[in-house]
Amino acid sequence: MRLLAVHRWRHRKGGAEGVHLDHLALFRERGWDCADFAVDHPDNEPSEWSGYFPAPFAPRGGVASLASLPRFFHSREAGEKFARLLDDFRPDVIHAHGIYHHLTNAILAPAKRRGVPIVYTLHDYKLICPAYHFYTPQRGVCESCKGGKQWRCLTNRCTQGPLAMDALYALDGWLQWHGGALERAVSRFVGPCRFIVEKFAEHGFPRDKLRYTPNFFESADDAPVAANDVAALRAARGPHILYFGRLSPEKGVDLLIDAAAAANAPLVVVGDGPQRSALENQARALGAPVQFTGHLKGAALWAQVEAATAVALPSLWYEIAPKSVLEAQARGKPVIASRIGGLPELVAPGENGFLVEPGDRVGLAETLRRVLAMDDAALAAMGARGREQATTRFTRDRYYREMTAIYAELTPAAKEAAE
């Protein structure tokens, strides 16, 4: 079997990129012949297929952005190089994890002409929300673009950037929705949680193309952690709460800092993003017991997770299926999460963690106090239930079996491989 995996990035920029790279590694491990296609970015992990990668693209601001407008919607270079890769590699199936304006819909026509089916994992809401998240800090959760009204990305100023960017994203969303090129070209859309599957169906995507297949928790980024490193962190910090992930408004980290200050709950924040400076200023102004570590990965990150008492994810948007929850559970950590999006599918209150209503600072502070007051045996029992869930329901074997079953719906060769 020959699999061509597509994502605009080939480095672990975030959760979607991790899923893409882990998917690729898993199928290679199981004997598939795999190629990949991405933008030629300087942070990319090495790839033998990098000679086919198109140059990176970023829209310019101001008047200069008008000259680059056609490239935002169609990359001739990406289309030509993708066609050449298809002819040289001859895949049985294409699995895309993100295209957008970096690669553009230009890669769809070459696949369609050659009759290669495309599977597309939904890592965000971009195809039905021009600004990706169904969320802005001013409006909170927002679905006002529903029904083909993508122009509201402009009137609502959803990108939080320049007016020209709002206009560009609104136009892109409008063309995607009303043109339907991606929806027609893709044979199956895969949702990592039931919530996103239902949301896309609610917004008009055909149910017969939608499939639910959760991610798996193991990652090629996993690295063994030295026990003395974990012990040193625990000794230095004592019981504490951990957040790890992107520092952006929809993640609710400012809410978590407020709650930590109110509960006098020690908090460690691992990660980086556009909100980091504001969050550090907030913590200082409140005198909150918060420590920022910046971006960490591999053993350094997992040592932080294992040293923590619990992991918090107080998201304000329709969170999908964050691998951070599974990674925390696999390491025996209770998870405190918002009751929104796909998070209730991963966190069972009182069993492997706690759910708090999104935006509820008082409820979150009370939950932080409750968790830090729990004895070691109760925390261990809750963590063990989380570990059991992650290691029995969200495994590599289950993911591989379900994904190959989807491929088998589309091509006889994949059906034979699945059997």
Protein backbone atom coordinates (compact mmCIF):
# COMPACT_ATOMS: atom_id res chain seq x y z
CA MET A 1 0.00 0.00 0.00
CA ARG A 2 1.15 3.48 -0.84
CA LEU A 3 0.05 6.43 1.32
CA LEU A 4 0.70 10.09 0.54
CA ALA A 5 0.31 12.23 3.69
CA VAL A 6 -0.27 15.97 3.23
CA HIS A 7 0.04 18.82 5.71
CA ARG A 8 1.16 22.40 5.20
CA TRP A 9 3.86 21.94 7.89
CA ARG A 10 6.32 19.12 8.55
CA HIS A 11 7.33 20.08 12.06
CA ARG A 12 5.59 19.83 15.44
CA LYS A 13 4.12 23.31 15.52
CA GLY A 14 1.00 22.10 17.34
CA GLY A 15 -1.34 19.20 17.93
CA ALA A 16 -2.47 18.81 14.31
CA GLU A 17 1.12 18.61 13.11
CA GLY A 18 1.87 16.00 15.76
CA VAL A 19 -1.08 13.87 14.65
CA HIS A 20 0.04 14.13 11.02
CA LEU A 21 3.62 13.09 11.78
CA ASP A 22 2.56 10.31 14.15
CA HIS A 23 0.06 9.02 11.56
CA LEU A 24 2.84 8.91 8.98
CA ALA A 25 5.23 7.12 11.36
CA LEU A 26 2.58 4.56 12.34
CA PHE A 27 1.77 3.57 8.77
CA ARG A 28 5.44 3.31 7.87
CA GLU A 29 5.91 1.12 10.93
CA ARG A 30 3.08 -1.15 9.73
CA GLY A 31 4.77 -1.70 6.36
CA TRP A 32 3.12 0.93 4.16
CA ASP A 33 5.17 2.77 1.56
CA CYS A 34 4.68 6.43 2.54
CA ALA A 35 5.49 9.79 1.02
CA ASP A 36 4.63 13.25 2.28
CA PHE A 37 3.97 16.71 0.91
CA ALA A 38 4.35 20.03 2.76
CA VAL A 39 5.60 23.58 2.45
CA ASP A 40 9.41 23.85 2.33
CA HIS A 41 9.75 25.42 5.77
CA PRO A 42 13.13 25.83 7.55
CA ASP A 43 11.78 24.11 10.70
CA ASN A 44 10.71 20.98 8.81
CA GLU A 45 11.86 17.57 9.97
CA PRO A 46 13.95 15.86 7.27
CA SER A 47 12.05 14.23 4.40
CA GLU A 48 13.31 12.36 1.36
CA TRP A 49 10.44 14.00 -0.55
CA SER A 50 11.42 17.62 0.23
CA GLY A 51 12.44 18.21 -3.38
CA TYR A 52 8.74 18.30 -4.24
CA PHE A 53 7.82 20.84 -1.54
CA PRO A 54 6.68 24.32 -2.69
CA ALA A 55 8.11 27.54 -1.25
CA PRO A 56 6.44 28.96 1.88
CA PHE A 57 3.89 31.73 1.56
CA ALA A 58 2.68 34.39 4.01
CA PRO A 59 0.23 37.15 3.00
CA ARG A 60 1.75 40.62 3.13
CA GLY A 61 0.02 43.53 4.83
CA GLY A 62 -1.25 46.81 3.45
CA VAL A 63 -1.41 47.65 -0.25
CA ALA A 64 1.26 45.04 -1.01
CA SER A 65 -1.23 42.34 -0.02
CA LEU A 66 -3.24 43.03 -3.19
CA ALA A 67 -0.42 41.73 -5.37
CA SER A 68 -0.29 38.47 -3.44
CA LEU A 69 -4.07 38.00 -3.38
CA PRO A 70 -4.26 35.45 -6.26
CA ARG A 71 -1.56 33.30 -4.61
CA PHE A 72 -3.62 33.15 -1.40
CA PHE A 73 -6.31 31.21 -3.27
CA HIS A 74 -4.26 29.24 -5.79
CA SER A 75 -0.64 28.09 -5.71
CA ARG A 76 0.41 27.08 -9.19
CA GLU A 77 3.73 25.86 -7.81
CA ALA A 78 2.02 23.59 -5.26
CA GLY A 79 -0.30 22.16 -7.91
CA GLU A 80 2.52 21.42 -10.34
CA LYS A 81 4.83 19.87 -7.76
CA PHE A 82 2.00 17.81 -6.26
CA ALA A 83 1.14 16.47 -9.73
CA ARG A 84 4.76 15.47 -10.26
CA LEU A 85 4.84 13.73 -6.86
CA LEU A 86 1.64 11.85 -7.69
CA ASP A 87 3.11 10.60 -10.97
CA ASP A 88 6.42 9.58 -9.38
CA PHE A 89 5.02 8.00 -6.19
CA ARG A 90 1.63 6.72 -7.45
CA PRO A 91 -0.22 6.59 -4.11
CA ASP A 92 -3.26 4.40 -3.46
CA VAL A 93 -4.72 7.00 -1.09
CA ILE A 94 -4.00 10.59 0.00
CA HIS A 95 -4.54 11.64 3.62
CA ALA A 96 -4.57 15.40 4.19
CA HIS A 97 -4.33 17.07 7.61
CA GLY A 98 -4.38 20.70 6.48
CA ILE A 99 -4.07 22.57 3.17
CA TYR A 100 -5.48 26.13 3.32
CA HIS A 101 -3.66 29.06 1.72
CA HIS A 102 -0.22 27.50 2.13
CA LEU A 103 -0.85 24.68 -0.36
CA THR A 104 -4.33 25.75 -1.58
CA ASN A 105 -6.97 23.82 -3.46
CA ALA A 106 -4.56 23.70 -6.41
CA ILE A 107 -3.49 20.24 -5.24
CA LEU A 108 -7.03 18.83 -5.53
CA ALA A 109 -7.38 18.75 -9.32
CA PRO A 110 -4.24 16.65 -9.95
CA ALA A 111 -5.50 14.03 -7.48
CA LYS A 112 -8.97 14.01 -9.02
CA ARG A 113 -7.61 13.63 -12.57
CA ARG A 114 -5.62 10.60 -11.45
CA GLY A 115 -8.48 9.08 -9.51
CA VAL A 116 -6.67 9.02 -6.15
CA PRO A 117 -9.13 9.21 -3.21
CA ILE A 118 -8.54 11.85 -0.51
CA VAL A 119 -9.20 11.44 3.22
CA TYR A 120 -9.16 14.67 5.24
CA THR A 121 -8.82 14.90 9.04
CA LEU A 122 -10.69 17.83 10.60
CA HIS A 123 -8.26 19.41 13.09
CA ASP A 124 -10.16 22.71 13.23
CA TYR A 125 -13.32 24.39 11.93
CA LYS A 126 -11.71 26.35 9.08
CA LEU A 127 -13.99 24.89 6.40
CA ILE A 128 -17.08 26.25 8.19
CA CYS A 129 -15.51 29.12 10.18
CA PRO A 130 -13.07 31.38 8.25
CA ALA A 131 -11.22 32.23 11.51
CA TYR A 132 -10.81 28.53 12.46
CA HIS A 133 -12.20 28.52 16.02
CA PHE A 134 -15.87 29.61 16.25
CA TYR A 135 -14.52 31.99 18.90
CA THR A 136 -13.36 35.57 19.42
CA PRO A 137 -12.44 37.18 22.76
CA GLN A 138 -15.11 39.84 22.25
CA ARG A 139 -17.99 37.56 21.23
CA GLY A 140 -17.03 34.26 22.84
CA VAL A 141 -18.34 31.20 20.99
CA CYS A 142 -19.78 32.39 17.67
CA GLU A 143 -21.38 30.61 14.72
CA SER A 144 -22.73 33.65 12.90
CA CYS A 145 -21.18 32.52 9.57
CA LYS A 146 -23.50 29.51 9.46
CA GLY A 147 -25.42 29.10 6.22
CA GLY A 148 -22.89 30.73 3.90
CA LYS A 149 -22.52 34.05 5.72
CA GLN A 150 -18.71 34.00 5.81
CA TRP A 151 -18.66 37.77 5.22
CA ARG A 152 -19.37 38.10 8.94
CA CYS A 153 -15.71 37.19 9.56
CA LEU A 154 -15.06 40.72 8.28
CA THR A 155 -17.90 42.56 10.03
CA ASN A 156 -17.19 40.78 13.34
CA ARG A 157 -13.38 41.32 12.98
CA CYS A 158 -12.78 37.65 13.76
CA THR A 159 -9.05 37.24 12.99
CA GLN A 160 -8.05 39.82 15.63
CA GLY A 161 -5.64 41.24 13.04
CA PRO A 162 -5.70 43.99 10.39
CA LEU A 163 -8.95 44.73 8.58
CA ALA A 164 -7.39 43.45 5.35
CA MET A 165 -6.78 40.08 6.99
CA ASP A 166 -10.41 39.83 8.09
CA ALA A 167 -11.49 40.63 4.54
CA LEU A 168 -9.12 38.07 3.05
CA TYR A 169 -10.23 35.29 5.40
CA ALA A 170 -13.89 36.16 4.85
CA LEU A 171 -13.45 35.98 1.07
CA ASP A 172 -11.52 32.71 1.34
CA GLY A 173 -14.24 31.22 3.54
CA TRP A 174 -16.99 32.43 1.20
CA LEU A 175 -15.27 30.90 -1.84
CA GLN A 176 -14.61 27.62 0.00
CA TRP A 177 -18.22 27.36 1.13
CA HIS A 178 -19.97 28.42 -2.07
CA GLY A 179 -17.41 26.88 -4.44
CA GLY A 180 -17.32 23.55 -2.61
CA ALA A 181 -14.10 22.39 -4.32
CA LEU A 182 -12.66 20.72 -1.24
CA GLU A 183 -15.95 19.13 -0.22
CA ARG A 184 -16.36 17.61 -3.70
CA ALA A 185 -12.76 16.41 -3.97
CA VAL A 186 -12.55 14.75 -0.54
CA SER A 187 -14.01 11.26 -0.24
CA ARG A 188 -14.07 11.08 3.56
CA PHE A 189 -13.76 13.65 6.36
CA VAL A 190 -12.46 12.24 9.65
CA GLY A 191 -13.42 13.85 12.97
CA PRO A 192 -11.25 13.05 16.04
CA CYS A 193 -14.28 13.59 18.31
CA ARG A 194 -18.02 13.11 17.90
CA PHE A 195 -18.65 16.80 18.54
CA ILE A 196 -16.83 17.98 15.42
CA VAL A 197 -18.52 15.33 13.28
CA GLU A 198 -21.93 16.53 14.44
CA LYS A 199 -20.95 20.19 14.02
CA PHE A 200 -19.90 19.69 10.39
CA ALA A 201 -23.09 17.74 9.70
CA GLU A 202 -25.09 20.54 11.32
CA HIS A 203 -23.39 23.04 9.00
CA GLY A 204 -24.32 21.09 5.89
CA PHE A 205 -21.53 18.60 5.22
CA PRO A 206 -22.88 15.27 3.90
CA ARG A 207 -23.10 12.68 6.68
CA ASP A 208 -22.12 9.87 4.34
CA LYS A 209 -18.66 11.46 4.02
CA LEU A 210 -18.13 12.00 7.77
CA ARG A 211 -16.39 9.45 9.97
CA TYR A 212 -15.46 9.46 13.68
CA THR A 213 -11.97 8.17 14.46
CA PRO A 214 -10.24 9.38 17.66
CA ASN A 215 -6.52 10.04 17.81
CA PHE A 216 -4.11 7.83 19.71
CA PHE A 217 -2.05 9.04 22.65
CA GLU A 218 1.38 7.66 21.76
CA SER A 219 3.63 10.10 19.95
CA ALA A 220 6.94 9.91 18.10
CA ASP A 221 7.84 12.87 20.32
CA ASP A 222 7.62 10.69 23.45
CA ALA A 223 10.90 10.35 25.32
CA PRO A 224 11.83 8.51 28.51
CA VAL A 225 11.87 10.66 31.63
CA ALA A 226 14.48 10.29 34.34
CA ALA A 227 12.85 9.63 37.72
CA ASN A 228 15.25 11.99 39.49
CA ASP A 229 14.17 14.86 37.18
CA VAL A 230 10.53 14.33 38.17
CA ALA A 231 11.46 14.04 41.85
CA ALA A 232 13.44 17.29 41.69
CA LEU A 233 10.49 19.16 40.17
CA ARG A 234 8.10 17.80 42.79
CA ALA A 235 10.47 18.70 45.61
CA ALA A 236 10.92 22.24 44.29
CA ARG A 237 7.24 22.95 43.66
CA GLY A 238 5.16 20.71 45.89
CA PRO A 239 1.57 20.02 44.80
CA HIS A 240 0.71 22.13 41.77
CA ILE A 241 -1.44 22.39 38.64
CA LEU A 242 0.02 22.27 35.12
CA TYR A 243 -1.15 23.79 31.86
CA PHE A 244 0.74 22.88 28.70
CA GLY A 245 -0.19 24.11 25.24
CA ARG A 246 -0.60 27.21 23.13
CA LEU A 247 -0.98 30.54 24.91
CA SER A 248 -3.85 32.13 22.99
CA PRO A 249 -7.19 33.63 24.09
CA GLU A 250 -9.42 30.67 23.23
CA LYS A 251 -7.46 28.40 25.61
CA GLY A 252 -8.66 30.27 28.73
CA VAL A 253 -5.25 30.50 30.41
CA ASP A 254 -6.08 33.99 31.71
CA LEU A 255 -9.09 32.44 33.44
CA LEU A 256 -6.84 29.77 34.92
CA ILE A 257 -4.44 32.39 36.29
CA ASP A 258 -7.34 34.27 37.90
CA ALA A 259 -8.55 31.02 39.48
CA ALA A 260 -5.06 30.10 40.66
CA ALA A 261 -4.72 33.50 42.32
CA ALA A 262 -8.13 33.17 44.01
CA ALA A 263 -7.40 29.62 45.21
CA ASN A 264 -3.73 30.30 46.02
CA ALA A 265 -3.03 27.27 43.83
CA PRO A 266 0.51 26.94 42.48
CA LEU A 267 0.38 26.83 38.68
CA VAL A 268 3.02 25.99 36.06
CA VAL A 269 2.39 27.17 32.48
CA VAL A 270 4.32 25.38 29.73
CA GLY A 271 4.08 26.77 26.22
CA ASP A 272 4.25 29.88 24.12
CA GLY A 273 1.98 31.96 21.94
CA PRO A 274 0.62 35.44 21.24
CA GLN A 275 -0.80 35.88 24.74
CA ARG A 276 2.31 35.00 26.72
CA SER A 277 3.44 38.54 27.59
CA ALA A 278 -0.08 39.57 28.66
CA LEU A 279 -0.43 36.43 30.80
CA GLU A 280 2.89 37.05 32.54
CA ASN A 281 1.83 40.63 33.28
CA GLN A 282 -1.51 39.39 34.61
CA ALA A 283 0.16 36.89 36.95
CA ARG A 284 2.52 39.58 38.29
CA ALA A 285 -0.31 42.07 38.82
CA LEU A 286 -2.33 39.50 40.78
CA GLY A 287 0.62 38.17 42.73
CA ALA A 288 -0.49 34.73 41.53
CA PRO A 289 1.73 31.71 42.24
CA VAL A 290 2.44 31.08 38.55
CA GLN A 291 5.64 29.93 36.85
CA PHE A 292 6.14 30.17 33.07
CA THR A 293 8.64 27.78 31.47
CA GLY A 294 8.24 28.66 27.79
CA HIS A 295 8.00 25.99 25.09
CA LEU A 296 9.21 22.51 26.05
CA LYS A 297 9.10 19.18 24.24
CA GLY A 298 10.23 15.59 24.61
CA ALA A 299 11.57 14.45 27.98
CA ALA A 300 11.62 18.00 29.36
CA LEU A 301 7.87 18.35 28.74
CA TRP A 302 6.92 14.91 30.01
CA ALA A 303 8.89 15.47 33.23
CA GLN A 304 6.70 18.52 33.86
CA VAL A 305 3.55 16.45 33.28
CA GLU A 306 4.64 13.62 35.55
CA ALA A 307 5.63 16.02 38.32
CA ALA A 308 2.26 17.80 38.37
CA THR A 309 -0.65 16.99 40.66
CA ALA A 310 -3.16 17.51 37.84
CA VAL A 311 -3.37 19.03 34.37
CA ALA A 312 -5.83 21.84 33.50
CA LEU A 313 -7.32 22.78 30.13
CA PRO A 314 -9.91 25.56 30.74
CA SER A 315 -10.76 26.15 27.06
CA LEU A 316 -13.37 28.69 25.99
CA TRP A 317 -13.79 27.47 22.39
CA TYR A 318 -15.17 24.25 20.91
CA GLU A 319 -12.05 22.26 21.79
CA ILE A 320 -11.85 19.21 19.53
CA ALA A 321 -9.71 16.30 20.73
CA PRO A 322 -6.51 17.69 22.24
CA LYS A 323 -3.77 15.10 22.50
CA SER A 324 -2.58 16.91 25.63
CA VAL A 325 -5.52 15.39 27.53
CA LEU A 326 -4.67 11.86 26.41
CA GLU A 327 -0.97 12.44 27.06
CA ALA A 328 -1.75 13.62 30.60
CA GLN A 329 -4.10 10.70 31.24
CA ALA A 330 -1.59 8.19 29.90
CA ARG A 331 0.82 9.52 32.53
CA GLY A 332 -1.74 9.03 35.29
CA LYS A 333 -2.83 12.65 35.76
CA PRO A 334 -6.36 13.80 36.58
CA VAL A 335 -7.54 16.42 34.08
CA ILE A 336 -9.52 19.58 34.89
CA ALA A 337 -11.27 20.70 31.71
CA SER A 338 -14.11 22.87 30.44
CA ARG A 339 -17.45 21.32 29.61
CA ILE A 340 -17.29 22.31 25.95
CA GLY A 341 -16.67 20.78 22.53
CA GLY A 342 -15.08 17.34 22.57
CA LEU A 343 -13.63 17.60 26.10
CA PRO A 344 -16.56 15.83 27.84
CA GLU A 345 -15.83 12.85 25.57
CA LEU A 346 -12.42 12.51 27.25
CA VAL A 347 -13.01 13.64 30.85
CA ALA A 348 -15.54 11.87 33.09
CA PRO A 349 -16.27 13.98 36.21
CA GLY A 350 -15.21 12.23 39.41
CA GLU A 351 -13.73 9.34 37.46
CA ASN A 352 -10.62 10.61 35.68
CA GLY A 353 -10.96 14.34 36.28
CA PHE A 354 -13.35 17.27 36.62
CA LEU A 355 -15.43 19.39 34.24
CA VAL A 356 -16.09 23.09 34.83
CA GLU A 357 -18.43 25.31 32.86
CA PRO A 358 -16.41 27.42 30.38
CA GLY A 359 -15.67 30.88 31.75
CA ASP A 360 -16.64 29.99 35.34
CA ARG A 361 -13.76 31.50 37.35
CA VAL A 362 -15.36 30.71 40.72
CA GLY A 363 -16.07 27.11 39.79
CA LEU A 364 -12.56 26.67 38.43
CA ALA A 365 -10.98 28.10 41.60
CA GLU A 366 -13.10 25.75 43.73
CA THR A 367 -12.00 22.79 41.60
CA LEU A 368 -8.32 23.73 41.91
CA ARG A 369 -8.71 23.85 45.71
CA ARG A 370 -10.51 20.51 45.71
CA VAL A 371 -7.85 18.77 43.62
CA LEU A 372 -4.92 20.10 45.64
CA ALA A 373 -6.69 19.01 48.86
CA MET A 374 -7.12 15.40 47.64
CA ASP A 375 -4.94 12.76 49.28
CA ASP A 376 -2.37 10.81 47.29
CA ALA A 377 -4.49 7.65 47.14
CA ALA A 378 -7.51 9.45 45.66
CA LEU A 379 -5.34 11.24 43.10
CA ALA A 380 -3.63 7.98 42.17
CA ALA A 381 -6.97 6.19 41.73
CA MET A 382 -8.31 8.97 39.51
CA GLY A 383 -5.09 9.03 37.50
CA ALA A 384 -5.18 5.25 37.09
CA ARG A 385 -8.65 5.42 35.57
CA GLY A 386 -7.43 8.06 33.14
CA ARG A 387 -4.45 5.89 32.23
CA GLU A 388 -6.70 2.91 31.64
CA GLN A 389 -8.88 4.95 29.27
CA ALA A 390 -5.94 6.30 27.30
CA THR A 391 -4.15 2.97 27.03
CA THR A 392 -7.20 0.86 26.13
CA ARG A 393 -9.47 3.15 24.06
CA PHE A 394 -6.96 5.45 22.37
CA THR A 395 -4.31 3.06 21.11
CA ARG A 396 -2.22 2.81 17.98
CA ASP A 397 -3.80 -0.55 17.08
CA ARG A 398 -7.34 0.81 17.29
CA TYR A 399 -6.45 3.93 15.28
CA TYR A 400 -4.68 1.89 12.59
CA ARG A 401 -7.57 -0.55 12.33
CA GLU A 402 -10.22 2.17 12.03
CA MET A 403 -8.22 4.31 9.61
CA THR A 404 -7.43 1.41 7.28
CA ALA A 405 -11.15 0.54 7.34
CA ILE A 406 -11.88 4.05 6.04
CA TYR A 407 -9.25 3.66 3.32
CA ALA A 408 -10.80 0.27 2.45
CA GLU A 409 -14.09 2.02 1.66
CA LEU A 410 -12.32 3.93 -1.12
CA THR A 411 -9.89 1.63 -2.88
CA PRO A 412 -9.72 -2.14 -3.49
CA ALA A 413 -6.01 -2.21 -2.64
CA ALA A 414 -6.67 -0.74 0.81
CA LYS A 415 -9.52 -3.19 1.37
CA GLU A 416 -7.18 -6.09 0.66
CA ALA A 417 -4.56 -4.63 3.02
CA ALA A 418 -7.15 -4.12 5.78
CA GLU A 419 -8.34 -7.70 5.48
